[in-house]
Amino acid sequence: MAAIQYYDVILKPVITEKSMAGMGEKKYTFLVHPEANKTMIKEAVEKMFDGAKVKKVNTMNYDGKTKRRGLVYGKTAKTKKAVVFLTEDSKDIEIFSGL
């Protein structure tokens, strides 16, 4: 496994109805690197977003979906999703402010 830097951990935010509703409670959802652990995710969020203090992180691993093209079957890539809970006194993450 290659060394994963903090800027490689968070791939993109998840924009769904459920994740947008959680932002009022300071819950943010991200797609993260499949080999990142909770400690790496916490450090990456605190370094990338100024004033964010992480209370806890929940992670979920998803297997790739089976897809078919003609007679050939294959699988899409595995993904990992992280739900980051911020403390009450931390600032909101600005990436979601325009949505």
Protein backbone atom coordinates (compact mmCIF):
# COMPACT_ATOMS: atom_id res chain seq x y z
CA MET A 1 0.00 0.00 0.00
CA ALA A 2 1.38 3.37 -0.96
CA ALA A 3 1.42 6.20 1.55
CA ILE A 4 -1.87 8.08 1.32
CA GLN A 5 -1.60 11.83 1.87
CA TYR A 6 -4.42 13.77 3.52
CA TYR A 7 -5.44 15.41 0.24
CA ASP A 8 -5.88 11.95 -1.37
CA VAL A 9 -8.23 10.67 1.33
CA ILE A 10 -11.40 12.64 0.50
CA LEU A 11 -12.46 12.06 -3.11
CA LYS A 12 -15.75 13.99 -3.33
CA PRO A 13 -18.80 14.95 -1.27
CA VAL A 14 -21.99 12.93 -1.51
CA ILE A 15 -24.92 15.12 -2.54
CA THR A 16 -28.21 13.34 -1.78
CA GLU A 17 -31.42 14.33 -0.08
CA LYS A 18 -30.49 12.43 3.06
CA SER A 19 -26.96 13.86 3.26
CA MET A 20 -28.24 17.42 2.71
CA ALA A 21 -30.74 16.99 5.56
CA GLY A 22 -27.92 15.88 7.87
CA MET A 23 -25.96 19.09 7.36
CA GLY A 24 -28.21 20.92 9.82
CA GLU A 25 -26.97 18.50 12.49
CA LYS A 26 -23.34 18.98 11.34
CA LYS A 27 -23.18 15.58 9.58
CA TYR A 28 -21.27 15.56 6.28
CA THR A 29 -20.93 12.64 3.88
CA PHE A 30 -17.92 12.02 1.64
CA LEU A 31 -16.65 9.36 -0.75
CA VAL A 32 -13.19 8.46 0.53
CA HIS A 33 -10.19 6.38 -0.55
CA PRO A 34 -11.00 2.65 -0.04
CA GLU A 35 -7.86 2.09 2.06
CA ALA A 36 -8.33 5.12 4.34
CA ASN A 37 -9.17 4.46 7.98
CA LYS A 38 -11.19 6.62 10.39
CA THR A 39 -8.13 8.37 11.81
CA MET A 40 -6.91 9.36 8.35
CA ILE A 41 -10.37 10.68 7.43
CA LYS A 42 -10.55 12.75 10.63
CA GLU A 43 -7.11 14.29 10.01
CA ALA A 44 -7.95 15.03 6.36
CA VAL A 45 -11.19 16.86 7.21
CA GLU A 46 -9.54 18.94 9.94
CA LYS A 47 -6.62 19.90 7.65
CA MET A 48 -8.65 20.63 4.51
CA PHE A 49 -11.45 22.66 6.11
CA ASP A 50 -10.41 25.44 8.49
CA GLY A 51 -12.21 25.50 11.82
CA ALA A 52 -13.71 22.00 11.45
CA LYS A 53 -13.36 19.81 14.55
CA VAL A 54 -14.41 16.19 14.05
CA LYS A 55 -16.29 14.45 16.84
CA LYS A 56 -16.57 11.01 15.18
CA VAL A 57 -16.45 9.23 11.82
CA ASN A 58 -18.61 6.35 10.58
CA THR A 59 -17.48 4.42 7.48
CA MET A 60 -19.23 2.04 5.09
CA ASN A 61 -17.65 -0.22 2.46
CA TYR A 62 -19.58 -0.92 -0.73
CA ASP A 63 -18.78 -3.73 -3.16
CA GLY A 64 -18.83 -2.99 -6.87
CA LYS A 65 -22.06 -3.56 -8.78
CA THR A 66 -22.27 -6.35 -11.34
CA LYS A 67 -22.67 -4.89 -14.82
CA ARG A 68 -23.16 -6.57 -18.17
CA ARG A 69 -22.23 -5.54 -21.68
CA GLY A 70 -23.36 -8.12 -24.19
CA LEU A 71 -22.34 -11.54 -22.90
CA VAL A 72 -19.51 -10.23 -20.74
CA TYR A 73 -20.06 -9.66 -17.02
CA GLY A 74 -17.87 -7.41 -14.93
CA LYS A 75 -17.86 -5.41 -11.70
CA THR A 76 -17.53 -1.72 -11.03
CA ALA A 77 -14.95 -0.48 -8.53
CA LYS A 78 -15.41 -0.80 -4.76
CA THR A 79 -16.19 2.41 -2.90
CA LYS A 80 -16.03 3.63 0.66
CA LYS A 81 -18.30 6.25 2.18
CA ALA A 82 -17.67 8.21 5.37
CA VAL A 83 -20.13 10.17 7.50
CA VAL A 84 -18.25 12.85 9.48
CA PHE A 85 -19.84 14.32 12.62
CA LEU A 86 -18.54 17.75 13.67
CA THR A 87 -18.54 19.12 17.22
CA GLU A 88 -21.03 21.81 18.22
CA ASP A 89 -18.42 24.58 18.44
CA SER A 90 -16.78 23.88 15.06
CA LYS A 91 -17.39 25.91 11.92
CA ASP A 92 -19.49 24.53 9.07
CA ILE A 93 -17.77 23.12 6.00
CA GLU A 94 -17.91 25.80 3.28
CA ILE A 95 -17.99 23.43 0.30
CA PHE A 96 -21.69 22.81 0.95
CA SER A 97 -22.72 26.43 1.58
CA GLY A 98 -23.66 27.17 -2.05
CA LEU A 99 -26.01 24.20 -2.38
